[in-house]
Every structure is written in C-alpha cells, then in structure tokens.
Protein backbone atom coordinates (compact mmCIF):
# COMPACT_ATOMS: atom_id res chain seq x y z
CA UNK A 1 -26.22 11.51 -19.00
CA UNK A 2 -28.45 10.19 -16.23
CA UNK A 3 -28.04 9.40 -12.56
CA UNK A 4 -28.28 5.62 -12.45
CA UNK A 5 -29.84 3.77 -9.50
CA UNK A 6 -27.58 1.56 -7.44
CA UNK A 7 -27.49 -2.16 -8.16
CA UNK A 8 -25.85 -3.09 -4.83
CA UNK A 9 -26.60 -2.28 -1.18
CA UNK A 10 -25.77 1.32 -0.38
CA UNK A 11 -23.44 2.06 2.54
CA UNK A 12 -25.27 4.81 4.45
CA UNK A 13 -22.06 6.10 6.04
CA UNK A 14 -20.33 6.79 2.73
CA UNK A 15 -23.44 8.49 1.35
CA UNK A 16 -23.06 11.21 3.97
CA UNK A 17 -19.70 12.35 2.56
CA UNK A 18 -19.31 14.99 -0.16
CA UNK A 19 -15.62 14.88 -1.01
CA UNK A 20 -12.99 16.54 -3.16
CA UNK A 21 -10.30 14.77 -5.14
CA UNK A 22 -7.07 16.00 -6.66
CA UNK A 23 -6.02 15.95 -10.28
CA UNK A 24 -7.59 16.37 -13.69
CA UNK A 25 -7.93 12.62 -14.23
CA UNK A 26 -9.03 9.85 -11.90
CA UNK A 27 -5.65 8.55 -10.81
CA UNK A 28 -5.22 5.32 -8.82
CA UNK A 29 -5.07 7.13 -5.47
CA UNK A 30 -8.32 9.01 -6.11
CA UNK A 31 -10.03 5.88 -7.43
CA UNK A 32 -8.92 3.95 -4.35
CA UNK A 33 -10.33 6.66 -2.07
CA UNK A 34 -13.68 6.62 -3.84
CA UNK A 35 -13.83 2.83 -3.72
CA UNK A 36 -13.04 2.86 -0.02
CA UNK A 37 -15.58 5.44 1.18
CA UNK A 38 -18.17 5.26 -1.66
CA UNK A 39 -19.18 8.89 -1.12
CA UNK A 40 -22.58 10.30 -1.85
CA UNK A 41 -21.03 13.20 -3.71
CA UNK A 42 -17.86 14.60 -5.24
CA UNK A 43 -17.19 18.33 -5.48
CA UNK A 44 -15.04 19.59 -8.33
CA UNK A 45 -12.58 22.48 -8.15
CA UNK A 46 -10.33 24.45 -10.47
CA UNK A 47 -7.58 21.93 -9.71
CA UNK A 48 -9.72 19.35 -11.52
CA UNK A 49 -10.13 21.41 -14.70
CA UNK A 50 -7.42 21.21 -17.34
CA UNK A 51 -9.98 21.79 -20.08
CA UNK A 52 -13.76 21.70 -20.33
CA UNK A 53 -13.67 18.49 -22.33
CA UNK A 54 -11.27 17.05 -19.78
CA UNK A 55 -13.67 17.92 -16.96
CA UNK A 56 -16.48 16.12 -18.75
CA UNK A 57 -14.25 13.05 -19.08
CA UNK A 58 -13.35 13.22 -15.40
CA UNK A 59 -17.02 13.42 -14.47
CA UNK A 60 -17.69 10.27 -16.44
CA UNK A 61 -14.76 8.48 -14.83
CA UNK A 62 -15.94 9.39 -11.33
CA UNK A 63 -19.42 8.11 -12.09
CA UNK A 64 -18.00 4.82 -13.31
CA UNK A 65 -15.73 4.33 -10.31
CA UNK A 66 -18.27 3.39 -7.64
CA UNK A 67 -21.85 2.28 -7.22
CA UNK A 68 -24.03 4.22 -6.70
CA UNK A 69 -22.36 6.94 -8.79
CA UNK A 70 -21.63 10.01 -6.66
CA UNK A 71 -23.56 13.18 -7.25
CA UNK A 72 -21.24 15.69 -8.91
CA UNK A 73 -21.25 19.27 -7.67
CA UNK A 74 -19.35 22.47 -8.34
CA UNK A 75 -19.33 26.04 -6.98
CA UNK A 76 -20.38 28.15 -9.95
CA UNK A 77 -21.68 31.54 -8.88
CA UNK A 78 -19.98 33.76 -11.44
CA UNK A 79 -17.72 36.62 -10.42
CA UNK A 80 -15.01 35.55 -7.98
CA UNK A 81 -16.42 32.07 -7.48
CA UNK A 82 -16.01 29.99 -10.61
CA UNK A 83 -13.91 26.89 -11.13
CA UNK A 84 -13.95 27.08 -14.91
CA UNK A 85 -11.50 29.93 -15.50
CA UNK A 86 -9.61 30.47 -17.74
CA UNK A 87 -11.74 28.29 -19.99
CA UNK A 88 -14.59 30.71 -19.52
CA UNK A 89 -14.14 34.17 -18.05
CA UNK A 90 -15.87 37.47 -17.51
CA UNK A 91 -18.97 36.09 -15.83
CA UNK A 92 -20.55 38.70 -13.55
CA UNK A 93 -20.82 38.53 -9.78
CA UNK A 94 -24.31 38.19 -8.32
CA UNK A 95 -24.34 41.80 -7.11
CA UNK A 96 -23.96 43.14 -10.65
CA UNK A 97 -26.66 40.87 -12.12
CA UNK A 98 -29.45 42.39 -10.01
CA UNK A 99 -29.92 44.97 -12.78
CA UNK A 100 -30.46 42.25 -15.42
CA UNK A 101 -34.14 41.98 -14.55
CA UNK A 102 -35.89 38.70 -13.84
CA UNK A 103 -36.34 37.37 -17.41
CA UNK A 104 -32.70 37.97 -18.38
CA UNK A 105 -31.44 36.70 -15.04
CA UNK A 106 -33.41 33.49 -15.44
CA UNK A 107 -32.09 33.10 -18.98
CA UNK A 108 -28.52 33.75 -17.81
CA UNK A 109 -28.79 31.01 -15.17
CA UNK A 110 -30.44 28.66 -17.62
CA UNK A 111 -27.49 29.08 -19.95
CA UNK A 112 -25.10 28.68 -17.02
CA UNK A 113 -26.88 25.46 -16.11
CA UNK A 114 -26.75 24.19 -19.67
CA UNK A 115 -22.98 24.51 -19.64
CA UNK A 116 -22.80 22.62 -16.35
CA UNK A 117 -25.09 19.93 -17.73
CA UNK A 118 -22.89 19.60 -20.81
CA UNK A 119 -19.94 19.03 -18.45
CA UNK A 120 -21.74 16.25 -16.59
CA UNK A 121 -22.49 18.20 -13.40
CA UNK A 122 -25.56 17.40 -11.28
CA UNK A 123 -25.56 20.11 -8.60
CA UNK A 124 -24.50 23.74 -8.48
CA UNK A 125 -23.71 25.05 -5.00
CA UNK A 126 -25.54 28.27 -5.85
CA UNK A 127 -27.26 30.67 -5.46
CA UNK A 128 -25.94 32.62 -2.49
CA UNK A 129 -28.87 34.04 -0.51
CA UNK A 130 -26.98 35.71 2.35
CA UNK A 131 -28.03 39.35 2.82
CA UNK A 132 -24.78 41.24 2.44
CA UNK A 133 -23.41 44.58 1.17
CA UNK A 134 -21.08 44.26 -1.78
CA UNK A 135 -18.08 45.68 0.10
CA UNK A 136 -18.29 43.49 3.21
CA UNK A 137 -14.96 41.99 4.39
CA UNK A 138 -16.48 38.60 5.17
CA UNK A 139 -15.94 36.57 1.99
CA UNK A 140 -19.55 37.04 0.81
CA UNK A 141 -19.72 40.67 -0.41
CA UNK A 142 -20.54 40.78 -4.15
CA UNK A 143 -21.45 37.09 -4.16
CA UNK A 144 -24.74 38.28 -2.64
CA UNK A 145 -27.65 39.92 -4.42
CA UNK A 146 -27.73 42.62 -1.73
CA UNK A 147 -29.23 43.39 1.65
CA UNK A 148 -32.93 43.60 0.75
CA UNK A 149 -34.56 40.23 1.52
CA UNK A 150 -37.23 40.73 -1.14
CA UNK A 151 -34.70 41.55 -3.84
CA UNK A 152 -32.37 38.73 -2.83
CA UNK A 153 -35.26 36.25 -2.83
CA UNK A 154 -36.47 37.39 -6.26
CA UNK A 155 -33.00 37.17 -7.82
CA UNK A 156 -32.26 33.79 -6.26
CA UNK A 157 -35.65 32.53 -7.40
CA UNK A 158 -34.70 33.45 -10.96
CA UNK A 159 -31.36 31.66 -10.58
CA UNK A 160 -33.08 28.55 -9.23
CA UNK A 161 -35.62 28.54 -12.05
CA UNK A 162 -32.88 28.88 -14.65
CA UNK A 163 -30.73 26.11 -13.20
CA UNK A 164 -33.66 23.73 -12.86
CA UNK A 165 -34.77 24.43 -16.44
CA UNK A 166 -31.30 23.34 -17.56
CA UNK A 167 -31.42 20.13 -15.52
CA UNK A 168 -29.14 21.31 -12.71
CA UNK A 169 -30.06 20.99 -9.04
CA UNK A 170 -29.61 24.28 -7.14
CA UNK A 171 -28.40 24.77 -3.56
CA UNK A 172 -29.28 27.80 -1.46
CA UNK A 173 -26.52 28.93 0.90
CA UNK A 174 -25.26 29.71 3.57
CA UNK A 175 -27.94 28.88 6.12
CA UNK A 176 -29.00 30.68 8.24
CA UNK A 177 -27.15 33.65 6.73
CA UNK A 178 -23.55 34.94 6.87
CA UNK A 179 -24.13 38.43 5.49
CA UNK A 180 -24.00 40.29 8.79
CA UNK A 181 -20.50 39.17 9.74
CA UNK A 182 -17.05 40.74 9.58
CA UNK A 183 -14.85 37.66 9.11
CA UNK A 184 -14.44 35.04 6.39
CA UNK A 185 -15.30 31.55 7.64
CA UNK A 186 -12.55 30.09 5.46
CA UNK A 187 -10.11 31.60 7.94
CA UNK A 188 -12.04 32.48 11.12
CA UNK A 189 -15.33 31.75 12.89
CA UNK A 190 -17.50 34.79 12.12
CA UNK A 191 -20.10 35.92 14.63
CA UNK A 192 -23.35 37.50 13.47
CA UNK A 193 -23.76 41.03 14.80
CA UNK A 194 -27.44 41.63 14.07
CA UNK A 195 -30.11 41.41 16.75
CA UNK A 196 -32.08 38.18 16.73
CA UNK A 197 -35.43 39.80 15.90
CA UNK A 198 -34.04 41.64 12.88
CA UNK A 199 -32.10 38.56 11.74
CA UNK A 200 -35.17 36.35 11.79
CA UNK A 201 -37.31 39.02 10.14
CA UNK A 202 -34.81 39.57 7.30
CA UNK A 203 -32.04 37.01 6.84
CA UNK A 204 -34.22 33.90 7.11
CA UNK A 205 -36.66 35.12 4.45
CA UNK A 206 -34.87 33.72 1.37
CA UNK A 207 -34.39 30.32 3.01
CA UNK A 208 -38.03 30.07 4.02
CA UNK A 209 -39.43 31.18 0.68
CA UNK A 210 -37.02 29.26 -1.55
CA UNK A 211 -36.75 26.04 0.42
CA UNK A 212 -39.41 24.19 -1.54
CA UNK A 213 -37.68 24.84 -4.89
CA UNK A 214 -34.14 24.09 -3.71
CA UNK A 215 -33.54 20.38 -3.02
CA UNK A 216 -30.31 21.17 -1.14
CA UNK A 217 -29.25 23.81 1.37
CA UNK A 218 -25.71 24.48 2.52
CA UNK A 219 -25.27 25.22 6.22
CA UNK A 220 -22.58 27.82 6.85
CA UNK A 221 -19.95 28.10 9.56
CA UNK A 222 -21.23 31.13 11.42
CA UNK A 223 -21.68 31.74 15.13
CA UNK A 224 -25.16 32.87 16.22
CA UNK A 225 -25.01 33.67 19.96
CA UNK A 226 -28.78 33.71 20.45
CA UNK A 227 -29.03 30.11 19.16
CA UNK A 228 -25.67 28.60 20.13
CA UNK A 229 -24.89 30.52 23.31
CA UNK A 230 -21.83 32.67 23.96
CA UNK A 231 -19.25 29.95 23.32
CA UNK A 232 -17.89 30.20 19.74
CA UNK A 233 -19.50 27.20 18.02
CA UNK A 234 -20.37 27.12 14.32
CA UNK A 235 -23.95 26.60 13.12
CA UNK A 236 -22.94 23.36 11.45
CA UNK A 237 -22.31 21.88 14.91
CA UNK A 238 -25.39 23.28 16.64
CA UNK A 239 -28.57 21.21 16.64
CA UNK A 240 -30.66 24.25 17.52
CA UNK A 241 -29.68 25.66 14.10
CA UNK A 242 -29.09 22.68 11.80
CA UNK A 243 -32.24 20.91 12.99
CA UNK A 244 -34.58 23.05 15.09
CA UNK A 245 -34.26 26.29 13.13
CA UNK A 246 -33.85 24.70 9.69
CA UNK A 247 -36.44 21.92 9.95
CA UNK A 248 -38.93 22.93 12.62
CA UNK A 249 -39.07 26.69 12.26
CA UNK A 250 -38.15 27.24 8.58
CA UNK A 251 -39.90 24.06 7.42
CA UNK A 252 -37.08 22.83 5.21
CA UNK A 253 -37.48 19.25 3.95
CA UNK A 254 -34.53 18.81 1.59
CA UNK A 255 -30.94 17.71 2.07
CA UNK A 256 -28.71 19.79 4.37
CA UNK A 257 -25.04 19.87 3.39
CA UNK A 258 -22.38 21.37 5.64
CA UNK A 259 -19.88 23.83 4.26
CA UNK A 260 -16.34 22.43 4.03
CA UNK A 261 -15.26 20.95 7.36
CA UNK A 262 -11.66 21.84 6.56
CA UNK A 263 -12.43 25.54 6.83
CA UNK A 264 -10.74 27.11 9.83
CA UNK A 265 -14.04 28.23 11.35
CA UNK A 266 -14.47 24.62 12.49
CA UNK A 267 -11.33 22.62 11.68
CA UNK A 268 -9.11 24.34 14.26
CA UNK A 269 -11.72 24.21 17.02
CA UNK A 270 -12.80 20.56 17.11
CA UNK A 271 -10.76 17.35 16.99
CA UNK A 272 -10.97 15.97 13.47
CA UNK A 273 -12.36 12.58 14.50
CA UNK A 274 -15.25 14.35 16.22
CA UNK A 275 -16.07 16.85 13.49
CA UNK A 276 -18.06 14.84 10.94
CA UNK A 277 -20.03 12.90 13.59
CA UNK A 278 -20.92 16.15 15.38
CA UNK A 279 -22.04 17.79 12.13
CA UNK A 280 -24.26 14.83 11.25
CA UNK A 281 -25.59 14.57 14.80
CA UNK A 282 -26.47 18.27 14.72
CA UNK A 283 -28.62 17.82 11.62
CA UNK A 284 -26.48 18.01 8.50
CA UNK A 285 -27.25 15.16 6.12
CA UNK A 286 -23.95 15.40 4.23
CA UNK A 287 -20.58 16.89 5.14
CA UNK A 288 -18.22 18.55 2.69
CA UNK A 289 -14.55 17.59 3.00
CA UNK A 290 -12.87 19.20 0.05
CA UNK A 291 -9.15 18.52 0.17
CA UNK A 292 -7.38 15.95 2.34
CA UNK A 293 -7.76 12.25 1.45
CA UNK A 294 -6.57 11.34 4.95
CA UNK A 295 -9.26 13.49 6.54
CA UNK A 296 -11.91 12.04 4.25
CA UNK A 297 -10.93 8.50 5.23
CA UNK A 298 -10.69 9.43 8.91
CA UNK A 299 -14.16 11.00 8.83
CA UNK A 300 -15.61 7.88 7.22
CA UNK A 301 -14.01 5.74 9.92
CA UNK A 302 -15.18 8.04 12.72
CA UNK A 303 -18.75 7.93 11.44
CA UNK A 304 -18.57 4.14 11.19
CA UNK A 305 -17.34 3.80 14.76
CA UNK A 306 -20.19 5.94 16.08
CA UNK A 307 -22.74 3.96 14.08
CA UNK A 308 -21.38 0.68 15.41
CA UNK A 309 -21.50 1.70 19.07
CA UNK A 310 -24.52 4.03 19.28
CA UNK A 311 -27.95 2.91 18.01
CA UNK A 312 -29.32 6.45 18.27
CA UNK A 313 -26.54 7.78 16.05
CA UNK A 314 -27.07 4.90 13.61
CA UNK A 315 -30.71 5.95 13.35
CA UNK A 316 -29.65 9.53 12.64
CA UNK A 317 -27.26 8.31 9.92
CA UNK A 318 -30.04 6.32 8.27
CA UNK A 319 -32.31 9.37 8.39
CA UNK A 320 -29.60 11.46 6.72
CA UNK A 321 -28.92 8.76 4.11
CA UNK A 322 -32.62 8.77 3.31
CA UNK A 323 -32.44 12.48 2.53
CA UNK A 324 -29.39 11.89 0.35
CA UNK A 325 -31.34 9.24 -1.55
CA UNK A 326 -34.19 11.72 -1.97
CA UNK A 327 -31.73 14.34 -3.27
CA UNK A 328 -30.37 11.82 -5.73
CA UNK A 329 -33.89 11.02 -6.96
CA UNK A 330 -34.83 14.69 -7.28
CA UNK A 331 -31.63 15.51 -9.13
CA UNK A 332 -32.46 12.72 -11.58
CA UNK A 333 -35.98 14.06 -12.03
CA UNK A 334 -34.72 17.61 -12.61
CA UNK A 335 -32.26 16.33 -15.19
CA UNK A 336 -34.92 14.18 -16.91
CA UNK A 337 -37.29 17.14 -17.22
CA UNK A 338 -34.72 19.22 -19.12
CA UNK A 339 -33.51 18.94 -22.68
CA UNK A 340 -30.61 16.56 -23.21
CA UNK A 341 -27.30 18.32 -22.62
CA UNK A 342 -25.81 19.90 -25.70
CA UNK A 343 -22.25 20.42 -26.91
CA UNK A 344 -19.84 22.20 -24.60
CA UNK A 345 -18.74 24.85 -27.09
CA UNK A 346 -22.31 25.81 -27.93
CA UNK A 347 -23.30 26.00 -24.26
CA UNK A 348 -20.24 28.11 -23.47
CA UNK A 349 -21.04 30.57 -26.26
CA UNK A 350 -24.69 30.79 -25.20
CA UNK A 351 -23.70 31.56 -21.59
CA UNK A 352 -21.36 34.35 -22.65
CA UNK A 353 -24.10 35.71 -24.86
CA UNK A 354 -26.61 35.69 -22.01
CA UNK A 355 -24.14 37.47 -19.73
CA UNK A 356 -23.54 40.13 -22.39
CA UNK A 357 -27.27 40.58 -23.01
CA UNK A 358 -27.92 41.06 -19.31
CA UNK A 359 -25.10 43.54 -18.97
CA UNK A 360 -26.35 45.51 -22.00
CA UNK A 361 -29.80 45.78 -20.45
CA UNK A 362 -28.24 47.06 -17.24
C-alpha cells in the first residue's frame, strides 16, 4: 500500500480537516461526506472495527473514495487506548512498558506498527509525552511514561523509532503538556497547575527533543494561564501556544493537529462555526472532528467563508495546507523505507509476542 499523489487540484480547505466516520463499511452517507469535504485525513475508531480484515477493507475503500486519498490515522497507545479490542487485547499501558528497556520497547512498537501497516494505517496518534503520574485523574495517567522528562523522552524516542521502522508515522501529544492537570479535557477544560518556569524546564523537554523525528504533533485542550491569560481558553485556540511557543520557541517544523474539537474543553465554550477557523488561525494545521457529520460539514463551510472574505486567513490556510502536503510526503517516505506490510495474523501474533517478551523482562 502506498500514499498516491493527487491527480487533480487539491482543495486546501478540505486538507485541513481530520475527520471521523461511522460504520464498519463506507456507506453512502460517509462516502458523500468524504466527497463533499475531501478531508486531509480520516481517523478510525472502535466503531469502525468489526474485524481486522474488515478494517483493512474499510481503509482501502476510504482511500479510493476521494483524491487525494486521506491520510488514515488511529489512536493506538496500548492499555486503555486501543481501537482494536477485542480483536487484540492485553496490550500494556505506557506506564508499565517503562521497565521493558529500550531495545524491547523499540521492538514492541515496531511490531505494533507492523500490525497497523498491515491494516492500511498511515499515522498513529502516539506516543503520549505528557509528564504525568499513573494515578492522575485527568485522563492521561498510565498513558504516560511517567513524570521524569528524561525517562519520558527516552521511552517515547523508542516508540517513535519502532513505529517509523514499521512504516508508520508517529505523533507526539499533547502539546504543550497535560500531565499537571486535574481534569479530563474530554469533559472539562483543565488548567495547568505548575509554575511556568518548572513547566518550561520539564514538560516541554520531550516536545523539543523529539520534534525532529515526529512529523506530527497533537495540540491538546489545556489552559495555560501564563500564556493564555486568566480567561479559560484552550491551547488549541491560543496563538501564543500553537504558534509562538510551538514554532518559535520549541522550533517545531512539522504538522500541528488539534485534538478533537468536539471535546467539551472547547466545544461548549466557542460557537461551532468559529471553532475550526479559530484553531487554524491560532496555528493548528489540521483540526480533528471525530464524530458529527453535520459539524464536519459546518466546519468546512466556515473555513471556506473565512478564506473567501479574508486574504490574511486564506494565506494562513495555504500555509497550513503546505504542512499537510509535507506530512503526506513524509508519511509516504516513512512507509517506503519500511518492509512491505505483512499478513494481519502474523503481525498480530508478533505484537503479542513482543508484549509478552517485554513483560517477562520486567
């Protein structure tokens, strides 16, 4: 499987959308949505997985539905965050894999990536690089490799190396760090408690060190008072974070993707028609909209209206679309450098074997 170049002009507005669809097959409604917005990416969820072979077929159908074919992504972290259960189960959370050691952790993620490649996936929205204790009540907890920036960076580096070796593009998340929060951004807007000096000395470390090897970064919905001010505004909507901090201070050059705009941290605070334009204007290059077809279409239309009436926003959209094109090219290069994807059953067995070997070493 390869990511084919487009043979027709690319709509820059659609390329900024990373969308979810319903169903385990590409039904007429989902196909119509894809044809209408021509998104840059499609994210797959458990609701899309009836079987592993069925997921592979769905991936092929999505690629054939529009030109250019959307990048296909999935959240596969292991532990609580996997979309492939019950077809594969028992994969460890990040916190428990710290004891694997670097060689076995790299091998584990390589095997994980090989399964994703066999399924037709391009991008894994992993690893998590937030610094967080494993019992935090904020939705991160054991998805993190811990609170030590050096340890988290080393473990995430192993995960990135393994995924890339398998032909899968990694994504570090959730910039600039959600570990020091008490609330889950799926349900609330969490505010970071740490002092700015400590946050920049610790929490930014993984993003700075791993940025060059991760073609995509996910911007999280956290509130950072020392960047955004006292009003509760998420990082995804703050230019001082999504542009100044990410690009100018941390030196990141890849594609910035917002976390899901339907999460309550942002969706209940900003009018929907304003949300995607504000996220793009703030510095995100793509916006995740994971569930509602109506909201996906409305976001596409809202972006189009802003492009048509504001030349400065149109320039920002073209800048973002350029980064999406670069992500597409890098994902193709990562895939081309790896071995051709193997059979699903063999990749599944190898992943379970790597997880067991790591656990035995621990």
